[in-house]
N, C-alpha and C. Protein backbone atom coordinates (compact mmCIF):
# COMPACT_ATOMS: atom_id res chain seq x y z
N MET A 1 9.07 27.54 -2.76
CA MET A 1 7.56 27.62 -3.40
C MET A 1 8.57 27.28 -5.26
N ILE A 2 7.44 26.74 -5.56
CA ILE A 2 7.96 26.39 -7.04
C ILE A 2 8.01 27.17 -7.87
N GLY A 3 9.19 27.61 -8.62
CA GLY A 3 9.03 28.61 -9.71
C GLY A 3 7.80 28.76 -10.65
N ASP A 4 7.04 27.82 -10.45
CA ASP A 4 5.98 27.79 -11.58
C ASP A 4 5.13 29.52 -11.06
N ALA A 5 4.94 29.43 -10.21
CA ALA A 5 3.97 30.23 -9.07
C ALA A 5 4.32 31.59 -10.16
N VAL A 6 5.84 31.73 -10.59
CA VAL A 6 6.20 33.25 -10.39
C VAL A 6 5.11 34.25 -11.32
N PRO A 7 4.84 33.85 -12.77
CA PRO A 7 4.02 34.40 -13.67
C PRO A 7 2.71 34.21 -13.02
N PHE A 8 2.15 33.54 -12.36
CA PHE A 8 0.67 34.15 -11.47
C PHE A 8 1.01 35.40 -10.75
N LEU A 9 1.76 35.34 -9.75
CA LEU A 9 2.15 36.20 -8.76
C LEU A 9 2.57 37.23 -9.36
N ILE A 10 3.23 37.64 -10.58
CA ILE A 10 3.11 38.97 -11.40
C ILE A 10 1.87 39.54 -11.48
N VAL A 11 1.50 38.63 -12.30
CA VAL A 11 0.13 39.17 -12.44
C VAL A 11 -0.88 39.98 -11.60
N PHE A 12 -0.66 38.71 -10.63
CA PHE A 12 -1.97 39.40 -9.59
C PHE A 12 -1.60 40.71 -9.08
N PHE A 13 0.06 40.54 -8.55
CA PHE A 13 0.32 41.68 -8.20
C PHE A 13 0.39 43.32 -8.84
N ILE A 14 0.76 42.87 -10.22
CA ILE A 14 0.74 44.16 -10.92
C ILE A 14 -1.16 44.59 -10.98
N LEU A 15 -2.11 43.78 -11.25
CA LEU A 15 -3.31 43.91 -11.10
C LEU A 15 -3.78 45.03 -9.50
N ALA A 16 -3.15 44.29 -8.78
CA ALA A 16 -3.20 44.67 -7.12
C ALA A 16 -3.36 46.05 -7.52
N VAL A 17 -1.60 45.91 -8.10
CA VAL A 17 -1.23 47.60 -7.52
C VAL A 17 -2.23 48.46 -8.54
N LEU A 18 -2.51 47.89 -9.74
CA LEU A 18 -3.58 48.64 -10.84
C LEU A 18 -4.94 49.27 -10.39
N ALA A 19 -5.53 48.40 -9.43
CA ALA A 19 -6.65 48.55 -9.06
C ALA A 19 -6.19 49.54 -7.71
N PHE A 20 -5.41 49.58 -7.20
CA PHE A 20 -5.30 50.16 -5.81
C PHE A 20 -4.80 51.99 -6.43
N LEU A 21 -4.46 51.90 -7.67
CA LEU A 21 -3.97 53.16 -8.06
C LEU A 21 -5.37 53.82 -8.64
N ILE A 22 -6.33 53.28 -9.04
CA ILE A 22 -7.42 53.53 -9.87
C ILE A 22 -8.87 53.94 -9.17
N HIS A 23 -8.05 53.24 -7.63
CA HIS A 23 -9.07 53.46 -6.58
C HIS A 23 -10.22 52.18 -6.03
N TRP A 24 -10.02 51.30 -6.75
CA TRP A 24 -10.69 50.11 -6.54
C TRP A 24 -10.31 49.12 -5.27
N PRO A 25 -10.50 49.58 -4.18
CA PRO A 25 -9.94 49.07 -3.33
C PRO A 25 -10.43 47.64 -3.06
N ILE A 26 -11.63 47.26 -3.54
CA ILE A 26 -12.18 45.78 -3.10
C ILE A 26 -11.68 44.92 -4.25
N ALA A 27 -11.34 45.06 -5.78
CA ALA A 27 -10.47 44.46 -6.58
C ALA A 27 -9.12 44.37 -6.12
N ALA A 28 -8.51 45.46 -5.78
CA ALA A 28 -7.40 45.24 -5.07
C ALA A 28 -7.09 44.39 -3.90
N THR A 29 -7.98 44.16 -2.95
CA THR A 29 -7.97 43.40 -2.02
C THR A 29 -8.21 41.79 -2.38
N VAL A 30 -8.67 41.68 -3.45
CA VAL A 30 -9.49 40.39 -4.33
C VAL A 30 -7.89 39.85 -5.05
N PHE A 31 -7.47 41.07 -5.69
CA PHE A 31 -6.31 40.28 -5.59
C PHE A 31 -4.71 39.84 -5.29
N LEU A 32 -4.78 40.95 -4.19
CA LEU A 32 -4.00 40.32 -2.86
C LEU A 32 -3.98 39.03 -2.37
N ILE A 33 -5.22 38.48 -2.33
CA ILE A 33 -5.49 37.08 -1.59
C ILE A 33 -5.42 36.24 -2.88
N LEU A 34 -6.05 36.54 -3.97
CA LEU A 34 -5.15 35.56 -5.17
C LEU A 34 -3.79 35.51 -4.94
N PHE A 35 -3.26 36.25 -4.70
CA PHE A 35 -1.91 36.61 -4.97
C PHE A 35 -1.05 35.03 -3.66
N ALA A 36 -1.82 35.64 -2.50
CA ALA A 36 -1.41 35.17 -1.16
C ALA A 36 -1.88 33.43 -1.31
N PHE A 37 -3.17 33.13 -2.02
CA PHE A 37 -3.36 31.77 -2.25
C PHE A 37 -2.60 31.19 -2.99
N THR A 38 -2.01 31.65 -4.28
CA THR A 38 -1.15 31.31 -5.30
C THR A 38 0.03 31.08 -4.85
N ALA A 39 0.66 31.85 -4.22
CA ALA A 39 2.02 31.56 -3.41
C ALA A 39 2.03 30.42 -2.30
N TYR A 40 1.07 30.40 -1.44
CA TYR A 40 0.39 29.08 -0.59
C TYR A 40 0.25 27.70 -1.65
N PHE A 41 -0.58 27.50 -2.47
CA PHE A 41 -0.68 26.69 -3.31
C PHE A 41 0.82 26.17 -3.78
N PHE A 42 1.59 27.12 -4.43
CA PHE A 42 2.99 26.21 -4.93
C PHE A 42 3.66 26.23 -4.35
N ARG A 43 3.27 25.67 -2.56
CA ARG A 43 4.37 25.88 -1.66
C ARG A 43 5.29 24.50 -1.85
N ASN A 44 6.46 24.07 -1.31
CA ASN A 44 6.84 23.21 -1.28
C ASN A 44 7.59 22.57 -0.28
N PRO A 45 7.00 22.15 0.46
CA PRO A 45 7.41 21.92 1.99
C PRO A 45 8.60 20.94 1.77
N LYS A 46 9.77 20.97 2.50
CA LYS A 46 10.72 19.96 2.84
C LYS A 46 10.18 18.69 3.35
N ARG A 47 10.51 17.50 2.48
CA ARG A 47 10.26 16.25 3.29
C ARG A 47 11.24 15.34 3.12
N ILE A 48 11.56 14.49 4.05
CA ILE A 48 12.76 13.67 4.24
C ILE A 48 11.91 12.14 4.42
N PRO A 49 11.97 11.07 3.30
CA PRO A 49 11.75 9.84 3.16
C PRO A 49 11.96 9.11 4.39
N PRO A 50 11.12 8.15 5.08
CA PRO A 50 11.51 6.87 5.86
C PRO A 50 12.57 6.20 5.53
N ASN A 51 13.69 6.29 6.55
CA ASN A 51 14.82 5.22 6.26
C ASN A 51 14.31 4.16 6.45
N GLU A 52 14.11 3.32 5.61
CA GLU A 52 13.22 1.93 5.44
C GLU A 52 13.63 1.57 3.88
N GLU A 53 14.21 0.10 3.86
CA GLU A 53 14.12 -0.31 2.32
C GLU A 53 12.75 -1.09 2.03
N ASN A 54 12.90 -0.88 0.65
CA ASN A 54 11.98 -1.59 0.04
C ASN A 54 10.33 -1.22 0.51
N ILE A 55 10.03 -0.15 0.01
CA ILE A 55 8.94 0.89 0.66
C ILE A 55 8.46 1.41 -0.35
N VAL A 56 7.02 1.67 -0.54
CA VAL A 56 6.78 2.54 -1.31
C VAL A 56 5.70 3.54 -0.90
N VAL A 57 6.35 4.83 -1.38
CA VAL A 57 5.78 6.01 -0.43
C VAL A 57 4.71 6.43 -1.41
N SER A 58 3.86 7.27 -0.55
CA SER A 58 2.71 7.81 -1.50
C SER A 58 3.28 9.24 -2.00
N PRO A 59 2.91 9.55 -3.53
CA PRO A 59 3.66 10.58 -4.78
C PRO A 59 3.04 11.79 -4.07
N ALA A 60 1.95 11.55 -3.64
CA ALA A 60 1.31 13.03 -3.22
C ALA A 60 0.65 13.53 -2.12
N ASP A 61 0.08 14.58 -1.56
CA ASP A 61 -0.58 14.49 -0.37
C ASP A 61 -1.82 14.87 -0.95
N GLY A 62 -2.71 14.35 0.21
CA GLY A 62 -3.90 14.39 0.04
C GLY A 62 -5.14 13.40 0.60
N ARG A 63 -6.31 12.95 0.54
CA ARG A 63 -6.64 11.96 1.39
C ARG A 63 -7.12 10.72 0.27
N VAL A 64 -6.71 9.44 0.72
CA VAL A 64 -7.00 8.12 0.05
C VAL A 64 -8.40 8.02 -0.33
N THR A 65 -8.91 7.77 -1.91
CA THR A 65 -10.39 8.09 -2.18
C THR A 65 -10.54 6.20 -2.44
N LYS A 66 -9.65 5.73 -2.64
CA LYS A 66 -9.56 4.22 -3.34
C LYS A 66 -8.66 3.11 -3.21
N VAL A 67 -8.91 2.12 -2.65
CA VAL A 67 -7.48 0.93 -2.35
C VAL A 67 -8.12 -0.20 -2.58
N GLY A 68 -7.44 -1.06 -3.67
CA GLY A 68 -8.24 -2.20 -4.09
C GLY A 68 -7.60 -2.92 -5.39
N PRO A 69 -7.50 -4.04 -5.91
CA PRO A 69 -7.39 -4.57 -7.47
C PRO A 69 -7.74 -3.79 -8.57
N LEU A 70 -7.38 -3.62 -9.50
CA LEU A 70 -7.76 -3.16 -10.91
C LEU A 70 -8.68 -4.11 -11.26
N ASP A 71 -8.25 -5.24 -11.06
CA ASP A 71 -9.21 -6.58 -11.46
C ASP A 71 -9.57 -7.51 -10.18
N PRO A 72 -10.79 -7.26 -9.70
CA PRO A 72 -11.24 -7.98 -8.85
C PRO A 72 -11.21 -9.59 -8.89
N SER A 73 -11.63 -9.72 -10.15
CA SER A 73 -11.86 -11.34 -10.29
C SER A 73 -10.15 -12.12 -10.64
N ASP A 74 -9.54 -11.22 -10.59
CA ASP A 74 -7.78 -11.95 -10.96
C ASP A 74 -7.59 -12.21 -9.70
N PRO A 75 -6.68 -12.63 -9.12
CA PRO A 75 -5.89 -13.24 -7.47
C PRO A 75 -4.48 -12.38 -8.19
N HIS A 76 -4.24 -12.12 -9.26
CA HIS A 76 -2.64 -11.89 -9.26
C HIS A 76 -2.76 -10.31 -10.05
N SER A 77 -4.22 -9.58 -9.71
CA SER A 77 -4.44 -8.37 -9.93
C SER A 77 -3.51 -7.47 -9.58
N ALA A 78 -2.68 -6.00 -10.48
CA ALA A 78 -2.31 -5.30 -9.86
C ALA A 78 -3.00 -4.37 -8.86
N GLN A 79 -2.78 -3.86 -7.85
CA GLN A 79 -3.39 -3.00 -7.13
C GLN A 79 -3.50 -1.37 -7.41
N LEU A 80 -4.13 -0.95 -6.80
CA LEU A 80 -4.74 0.70 -7.23
C LEU A 80 -4.81 1.25 -5.87
N VAL A 81 -4.01 2.68 -5.54
CA VAL A 81 -4.52 3.13 -4.53
C VAL A 81 -4.50 4.92 -5.43
N SER A 82 -5.73 5.32 -5.12
CA SER A 82 -5.86 6.65 -5.40
C SER A 82 -6.17 7.84 -4.06
N ILE A 83 -5.30 9.02 -4.42
CA ILE A 83 -5.13 9.93 -3.74
C ILE A 83 -5.86 11.20 -4.31
N PHE A 84 -6.59 11.96 -3.58
CA PHE A 84 -7.51 13.23 -4.02
C PHE A 84 -6.44 14.23 -3.52
N LEU A 85 -6.35 15.17 -4.46
CA LEU A 85 -5.74 16.37 -3.72
C LEU A 85 -6.55 17.69 -4.15
N SER A 86 -7.42 18.23 -2.91
CA SER A 86 -7.29 19.39 -2.94
C SER A 86 -7.15 20.76 -3.03
N PRO A 87 -7.68 22.01 -3.36
CA PRO A 87 -7.15 22.77 -3.58
C PRO A 87 -5.90 23.58 -2.49
N PHE A 88 -6.43 22.84 -1.41
CA PHE A 88 -5.63 23.49 -0.10
C PHE A 88 -4.39 22.32 0.04
N ASP A 89 -4.20 21.58 -0.63
CA ASP A 89 -3.01 20.50 -0.32
C ASP A 89 -1.75 21.01 -1.17
N VAL A 90 -0.58 20.38 -0.67
CA VAL A 90 0.39 20.79 -1.53
C VAL A 90 0.50 19.92 -2.55
N HIS A 91 0.58 20.43 -3.87
CA HIS A 91 0.32 19.78 -5.13
C HIS A 91 1.66 19.33 -6.14
N VAL A 92 2.61 19.38 -4.96
CA VAL A 92 3.91 18.74 -5.84
C VAL A 92 3.62 17.26 -6.01
N ASN A 93 4.37 16.49 -6.58
CA ASN A 93 4.53 15.03 -6.96
C ASN A 93 5.73 14.57 -6.83
N ARG A 94 5.79 13.06 -5.81
CA ARG A 94 7.39 12.82 -5.84
C ARG A 94 7.06 11.16 -6.06
N SER A 95 8.37 10.70 -6.21
CA SER A 95 8.32 9.65 -6.90
C SER A 95 8.23 8.39 -5.57
N PRO A 96 7.69 7.60 -6.15
CA PRO A 96 7.06 6.38 -4.76
C PRO A 96 8.38 5.45 -4.38
N ILE A 97 8.97 5.45 -5.38
CA ILE A 97 9.99 4.29 -5.03
C ILE A 97 11.68 4.93 -5.79
N SER A 98 12.24 4.31 -5.52
CA SER A 98 13.98 4.55 -5.92
C SER A 98 13.94 3.88 -7.24
N GLY A 99 13.95 4.18 -8.12
CA GLY A 99 14.59 3.30 -9.21
C GLY A 99 15.02 4.19 -10.52
N LYS A 100 14.37 3.64 -11.84
CA LYS A 100 14.68 4.38 -13.22
C LYS A 100 13.38 4.19 -13.46
N ILE A 101 13.38 5.76 -14.48
CA ILE A 101 11.81 6.02 -15.28
C ILE A 101 12.56 5.40 -16.44
N SER A 102 11.38 4.17 -16.67
CA SER A 102 11.35 3.56 -17.68
C SER A 102 10.49 3.87 -19.26
N ASP A 103 9.43 4.89 -19.13
CA ASP A 103 7.86 5.20 -19.82
C ASP A 103 7.60 6.57 -19.14
N VAL A 104 7.42 7.35 -19.74
CA VAL A 104 6.52 8.86 -19.64
C VAL A 104 5.45 8.99 -20.41
N THR A 105 4.33 8.72 -20.59
CA THR A 105 2.68 9.02 -21.39
C THR A 105 2.15 9.73 -21.08
N TYR A 106 1.96 11.08 -21.91
CA TYR A 106 1.19 12.19 -21.25
C TYR A 106 -0.29 11.65 -22.52
N THR A 107 -1.45 11.75 -21.85
CA THR A 107 -2.53 12.17 -22.79
C THR A 107 -3.42 12.86 -22.42
N LYS A 108 -3.60 13.69 -23.68
CA LYS A 108 -4.50 14.83 -23.68
C LYS A 108 -5.77 14.30 -23.14
N GLY A 109 -6.88 14.83 -22.31
CA GLY A 109 -8.50 14.36 -22.00
C GLY A 109 -9.41 15.62 -22.05
N ARG A 110 -10.52 14.79 -20.99
CA ARG A 110 -11.23 16.28 -20.59
C ARG A 110 -10.64 16.71 -19.06
N PHE A 111 -11.66 17.37 -18.16
CA PHE A 111 -11.73 17.73 -16.92
C PHE A 111 -12.83 17.64 -16.36
N ILE A 112 -13.19 16.43 -16.37
CA ILE A 112 -14.06 15.79 -15.00
C ILE A 112 -13.67 16.13 -13.74
N ASN A 113 -14.75 16.17 -12.87
CA ASN A 113 -14.48 15.86 -11.45
C ASN A 113 -13.05 14.76 -11.19
N ALA A 114 -12.35 14.95 -10.41
CA ALA A 114 -10.98 13.72 -10.19
C ALA A 114 -11.75 13.13 -9.34
N MET A 115 -12.88 13.35 -8.46
CA MET A 115 -13.23 12.26 -7.60
C MET A 115 -13.87 11.04 -8.36
N SER A 116 -14.40 11.38 -9.43
CA SER A 116 -15.14 10.43 -10.30
C SER A 116 -13.94 9.06 -10.78
N ASP A 117 -14.56 7.83 -10.84
CA ASP A 117 -13.80 6.62 -11.06
C ASP A 117 -13.32 7.22 -12.86
N GLN A 118 -14.06 7.90 -13.53
CA GLN A 118 -14.12 8.20 -15.01
C GLN A 118 -12.60 8.84 -15.23
N ALA A 119 -12.49 9.77 -14.43
CA ALA A 119 -11.14 10.28 -14.20
C ALA A 119 -9.96 9.95 -14.87
N SER A 120 -9.56 8.91 -13.90
CA SER A 120 -8.34 8.29 -14.62
C SER A 120 -8.25 7.39 -15.72
N VAL A 121 -9.38 7.87 -16.63
CA VAL A 121 -9.79 6.99 -17.97
C VAL A 121 -9.81 8.27 -18.80
N LEU A 122 -10.31 9.22 -18.53
CA LEU A 122 -11.15 10.47 -19.72
C LEU A 122 -10.20 11.70 -19.16
N ASN A 123 -9.73 12.13 -18.17
CA ASN A 123 -9.26 13.09 -17.94
C ASN A 123 -7.78 13.16 -18.58
N GLU A 124 -7.23 14.45 -18.78
CA GLU A 124 -6.04 15.16 -18.74
C GLU A 124 -4.90 13.90 -17.96
N GLN A 125 -3.51 13.54 -18.46
CA GLN A 125 -2.97 12.87 -17.12
C GLN A 125 -1.60 12.21 -17.98
N ASN A 126 -0.84 12.47 -16.75
CA ASN A 126 0.59 12.05 -17.36
C ASN A 126 1.01 10.60 -16.60
N ALA A 127 1.37 9.68 -16.96
CA ALA A 127 1.91 8.22 -17.03
C ALA A 127 2.98 8.23 -16.54
N VAL A 128 3.52 7.59 -15.33
CA VAL A 128 4.90 7.40 -15.34
C VAL A 128 5.26 5.87 -14.48
N THR A 129 6.30 5.61 -15.35
CA THR A 129 6.37 3.96 -14.90
C THR A 129 8.02 4.27 -14.42
N VAL A 130 8.25 3.39 -13.19
CA VAL A 130 9.59 3.85 -12.61
C VAL A 130 9.77 2.27 -12.03
N SER A 131 10.93 1.77 -12.43
CA SER A 131 11.31 0.33 -11.86
C SER A 131 12.90 0.64 -11.54
N ASN A 132 13.24 -0.79 -10.54
CA ASN A 132 14.62 -1.06 -9.67
C ASN A 132 14.36 -2.59 -9.95
N ASP A 133 15.25 -3.11 -9.14
CA ASP A 133 15.54 -4.72 -9.55
C ASP A 133 14.49 -5.01 -8.87
N SER A 134 13.88 -4.85 -8.06
CA SER A 134 12.55 -5.64 -7.38
C SER A 134 11.42 -5.24 -7.78
N ILE A 135 10.80 -3.92 -8.28
CA ILE A 135 9.64 -3.90 -8.32
C ILE A 135 9.58 -2.82 -9.35
N GLU A 136 8.43 -2.64 -9.96
CA GLU A 136 8.02 -1.66 -11.02
C GLU A 136 6.42 -1.07 -10.64
N VAL A 137 6.67 0.27 -10.21
CA VAL A 137 5.19 0.66 -10.29
C VAL A 137 4.94 2.15 -11.08
N VAL A 138 3.62 1.98 -11.54
CA VAL A 138 3.03 3.37 -12.66
C VAL A 138 2.40 4.42 -11.30
N PHE A 139 2.69 5.54 -11.44
CA PHE A 139 1.99 6.65 -10.81
C PHE A 139 1.74 7.38 -11.89
N LYS A 140 0.28 8.22 -11.97
CA LYS A 140 -0.41 8.86 -12.80
C LYS A 140 -0.70 10.33 -11.96
N GLN A 141 -0.24 11.52 -12.87
CA GLN A 141 -0.80 12.73 -12.80
C GLN A 141 -1.93 13.06 -13.30
N ILE A 142 -3.28 13.01 -12.55
CA ILE A 142 -4.54 13.08 -13.47
C ILE A 142 -5.19 14.67 -12.89
N ALA A 143 -5.52 15.32 -14.13
CA ALA A 143 -5.96 16.89 -13.94
C ALA A 143 -7.54 16.44 -13.68
N GLY A 144 -7.67 17.58 -12.70
CA GLY A 144 -8.96 17.72 -12.26
C GLY A 144 -9.81 18.47 -12.89
N LEU A 145 -11.26 19.25 -12.00
CA LEU A 145 -12.24 19.74 -12.70
C LEU A 145 -11.68 21.39 -12.46
N ILE A 146 -10.67 21.04 -11.96
CA ILE A 146 -10.52 23.03 -11.92
C ILE A 146 -8.75 22.62 -12.61
N ALA A 147 -8.11 21.61 -12.47
CA ALA A 147 -6.46 21.47 -12.79
C ALA A 147 -7.05 21.91 -14.09
N ARG A 148 -5.94 22.29 -14.84
CA ARG A 148 -5.55 22.59 -16.58
C ARG A 148 -4.15 22.45 -16.81
N ARG A 149 -3.37 22.37 -15.99
CA ARG A 149 -1.92 21.77 -16.64
C ARG A 149 -1.08 21.01 -15.96
N ILE A 150 -0.54 20.09 -16.16
CA ILE A 150 0.48 18.87 -15.59
C ILE A 150 1.53 18.80 -15.94
N VAL A 151 2.54 19.20 -14.95
CA VAL A 151 3.89 19.51 -15.05
C VAL A 151 4.48 18.54 -14.64
N PHE A 152 5.70 18.03 -15.45
CA PHE A 152 6.43 16.85 -14.84
C PHE A 152 8.20 17.37 -15.73
N TRP A 153 9.12 17.65 -14.33
CA TRP A 153 10.31 17.43 -14.88
C TRP A 153 11.37 16.40 -15.46
N ARG A 154 11.04 15.47 -15.38
CA ARG A 154 12.12 14.52 -15.59
C ARG A 154 11.52 13.67 -16.59
N LYS A 155 12.65 12.74 -17.20
CA LYS A 155 12.29 12.05 -18.49
C LYS A 155 12.47 10.71 -18.72
N PRO A 156 12.60 9.77 -19.45
CA PRO A 156 12.57 8.01 -18.99
C PRO A 156 14.41 8.20 -19.21
N GLY A 157 14.42 7.14 -18.56
CA GLY A 157 16.02 7.30 -18.21
C GLY A 157 16.85 7.66 -16.79
N ASP A 158 15.63 8.75 -16.82
CA ASP A 158 16.56 9.38 -14.95
C ASP A 158 16.27 8.54 -14.02
N ILE A 159 17.40 8.64 -12.84
CA ILE A 159 17.54 7.85 -11.63
C ILE A 159 16.92 8.77 -10.73
N LEU A 160 15.60 8.32 -9.94
CA LEU A 160 15.18 8.75 -8.94
C LEU A 160 15.28 7.72 -7.51
N GLU A 161 15.08 8.86 -6.69
CA GLU A 161 15.69 8.63 -5.34
C GLU A 161 13.97 8.44 -4.64
N VAL A 162 13.66 7.55 -3.75
CA VAL A 162 12.36 7.51 -3.11
C VAL A 162 12.03 8.75 -2.54
N GLY A 163 10.74 9.70 -2.82
CA GLY A 163 10.20 10.79 -2.29
C GLY A 163 11.16 12.15 -3.45
N GLU A 164 11.89 11.58 -4.00
CA GLU A 164 12.35 12.64 -5.04
C GLU A 164 11.28 13.35 -6.05
N LEU A 165 11.39 14.87 -5.40
CA LEU A 165 10.73 15.71 -6.22
C LEU A 165 10.82 15.36 -7.63
N VAL A 166 9.31 15.44 -8.34
CA VAL A 166 9.29 15.14 -10.06
C VAL A 166 8.46 16.08 -10.81
N GLY A 167 7.37 16.57 -10.09
CA GLY A 167 6.51 17.49 -11.00
C GLY A 167 5.53 18.15 -9.96
N LEU A 168 4.12 18.85 -10.54
CA LEU A 168 3.01 19.12 -9.97
C LEU A 168 1.69 18.99 -11.09
N ILE A 169 0.82 18.91 -10.21
CA ILE A 169 -0.53 19.77 -10.98
C ILE A 169 -1.27 20.88 -10.23
N LYS A 170 -1.80 21.40 -11.54
CA LYS A 170 -1.65 23.01 -10.93
C LYS A 170 -3.32 22.94 -10.64
N PHE A 171 -3.68 23.17 -9.35
CA PHE A 171 -4.92 23.83 -8.98
C PHE A 171 -6.07 22.62 -8.97
N GLY A 172 -6.00 21.96 -7.80
CA GLY A 172 -6.94 20.41 -8.19
C GLY A 172 -6.72 19.41 -8.33
N SER A 173 -6.44 18.03 -8.24
CA SER A 173 -6.25 16.89 -9.01
C SER A 173 -6.24 15.60 -8.31
N ARG A 174 -5.63 14.64 -8.73
CA ARG A 174 -5.84 13.43 -8.28
C ARG A 174 -4.42 12.78 -8.99
N THR A 175 -3.99 11.52 -7.79
CA THR A 175 -2.95 11.20 -8.28
C THR A 175 -3.46 9.55 -8.19
N ASP A 176 -2.96 8.79 -9.09
CA ASP A 176 -3.18 7.44 -8.87
C ASP A 176 -1.51 6.83 -9.12
N ILE A 177 -1.38 5.34 -8.10
CA ILE A 177 -0.32 4.65 -7.86
C ILE A 177 -0.83 3.05 -8.69
N ILE A 178 0.02 2.37 -9.03
CA ILE A 178 -0.19 1.19 -9.57
C ILE A 178 1.00 0.17 -8.67
N VAL A 179 0.59 -0.66 -8.13
CA VAL A 179 1.74 -1.60 -7.88
C VAL A 179 1.12 -2.83 -7.85
N PRO A 180 2.43 -3.92 -7.93
CA PRO A 180 2.22 -5.01 -8.02
C PRO A 180 1.21 -6.01 -7.20
N HIS A 181 0.77 -7.18 -7.56
CA HIS A 181 -0.31 -7.61 -6.32
C HIS A 181 0.38 -8.51 -4.80
N ASN A 182 1.59 -8.36 -5.29
CA ASN A 182 2.59 -8.81 -3.78
C ASN A 182 3.12 -7.59 -3.19
N VAL A 183 2.68 -6.37 -3.47
CA VAL A 183 2.86 -5.14 -1.89
C VAL A 183 1.96 -5.20 -1.47
N ILE A 184 2.50 -5.30 -0.06
CA ILE A 184 1.62 -4.93 0.91
C ILE A 184 1.08 -3.80 0.94
N LEU A 185 -0.05 -3.47 0.95
CA LEU A 185 -0.61 -2.11 1.31
C LEU A 185 -0.81 -1.53 2.83
N THR A 186 -0.85 -0.51 2.82
CA THR A 186 -0.47 -0.25 4.38
C THR A 186 -1.57 1.08 4.62
N VAL A 187 -2.29 1.30 3.83
CA VAL A 187 -3.80 2.57 3.99
C VAL A 187 -4.60 1.77 3.62
N LYS A 188 -5.22 2.86 4.05
CA LYS A 188 -7.18 2.28 3.56
C LYS A 188 -7.88 3.88 2.82
N GLN A 189 -9.31 3.28 2.61
CA GLN A 189 -10.06 4.66 1.98
C GLN A 189 -10.08 5.56 3.13
N GLY A 190 -9.94 6.67 3.27
CA GLY A 190 -10.34 7.79 4.20
C GLY A 190 -8.88 8.19 4.41
N ASP A 191 -8.50 7.44 4.25
CA ASP A 191 -6.66 8.10 5.07
C ASP A 191 -5.95 9.33 4.58
N ARG A 192 -5.50 9.80 5.46
CA ARG A 192 -4.92 11.17 5.01
C ARG A 192 -3.06 10.97 4.73
N VAL A 193 -2.68 11.14 3.45
CA VAL A 193 -1.41 10.99 3.47
C VAL A 193 -0.71 11.83 2.91
N ARG A 194 1.04 11.98 3.18
CA ARG A 194 1.70 13.49 2.71
C ARG A 194 2.71 12.83 1.71
N GLY A 195 2.89 13.41 0.60
CA GLY A 195 3.70 12.75 -0.67
C GLY A 195 5.41 12.73 0.03
N GLY A 196 6.20 11.55 -0.20
CA GLY A 196 7.36 11.26 -0.16
C GLY A 196 7.38 11.24 1.33
N THR A 197 7.01 11.13 2.40
CA THR A 197 6.88 10.47 3.74
C THR A 197 6.17 9.51 4.28
N SER A 198 4.76 9.54 3.73
CA SER A 198 3.25 8.67 3.97
C SER A 198 3.99 7.05 3.08
N ILE A 199 4.38 6.01 3.98
CA ILE A 199 4.38 4.72 3.45
C ILE A 199 2.82 4.20 3.03
N ILE A 200 2.84 3.92 1.82
CA ILE A 200 1.54 3.42 1.68
C ILE A 200 1.73 1.83 0.75
N GLY A 201 3.17 1.42 0.94
CA GLY A 201 3.09 -0.38 0.97
C GLY A 201 4.35 -0.41 1.28
N ARG A 202 4.75 -2.01 1.15
CA ARG A 202 6.00 -2.75 1.65
C ARG A 202 6.04 -3.79 0.33
N TYR A 203 7.55 -4.31 0.12
CA TYR A 203 7.50 -5.06 -0.58
C TYR A 203 8.59 -5.75 -0.33
């Protein structure tokens, strides 16, 4: 479980105890359910990346909602894969490739539905650029309708392994990944992917 869960767990536990002591069993039950859900939400299952070279793995768990070129009119356009995370998905984020972080750009924004195309432009987000000798990719942590905080634990200059844990988005979100045009994508809209283990492209 991710340490960011601890403050929430403490609050829900204290509220549950207080509600029990003043004989509010329904309230106590609600707080215990919230305690259990928070522990579930912040889970961090062990993931072992595929033992292959030149792969791009999913940076998040969820459902692929969009796959295609950023600019359909440009044959050399970069490609976008959007992944929607429901409140029941694992919400930690992982590096899609091995390489060095060259840029981290955080942008404040709104909290519209993460399924909307406008979310990648208007919502709170954190764009991370990772590159190695062969490829440069950008993945975005995008806040959703419920999400209110993006967490990123690394910084520019850090060296990452493929599938390495880098952050999370709290309570519902979306993750976009942008790859060069010559990456062969291996996912399609509607696919379910797992962060750090599902191959979404090869180069």
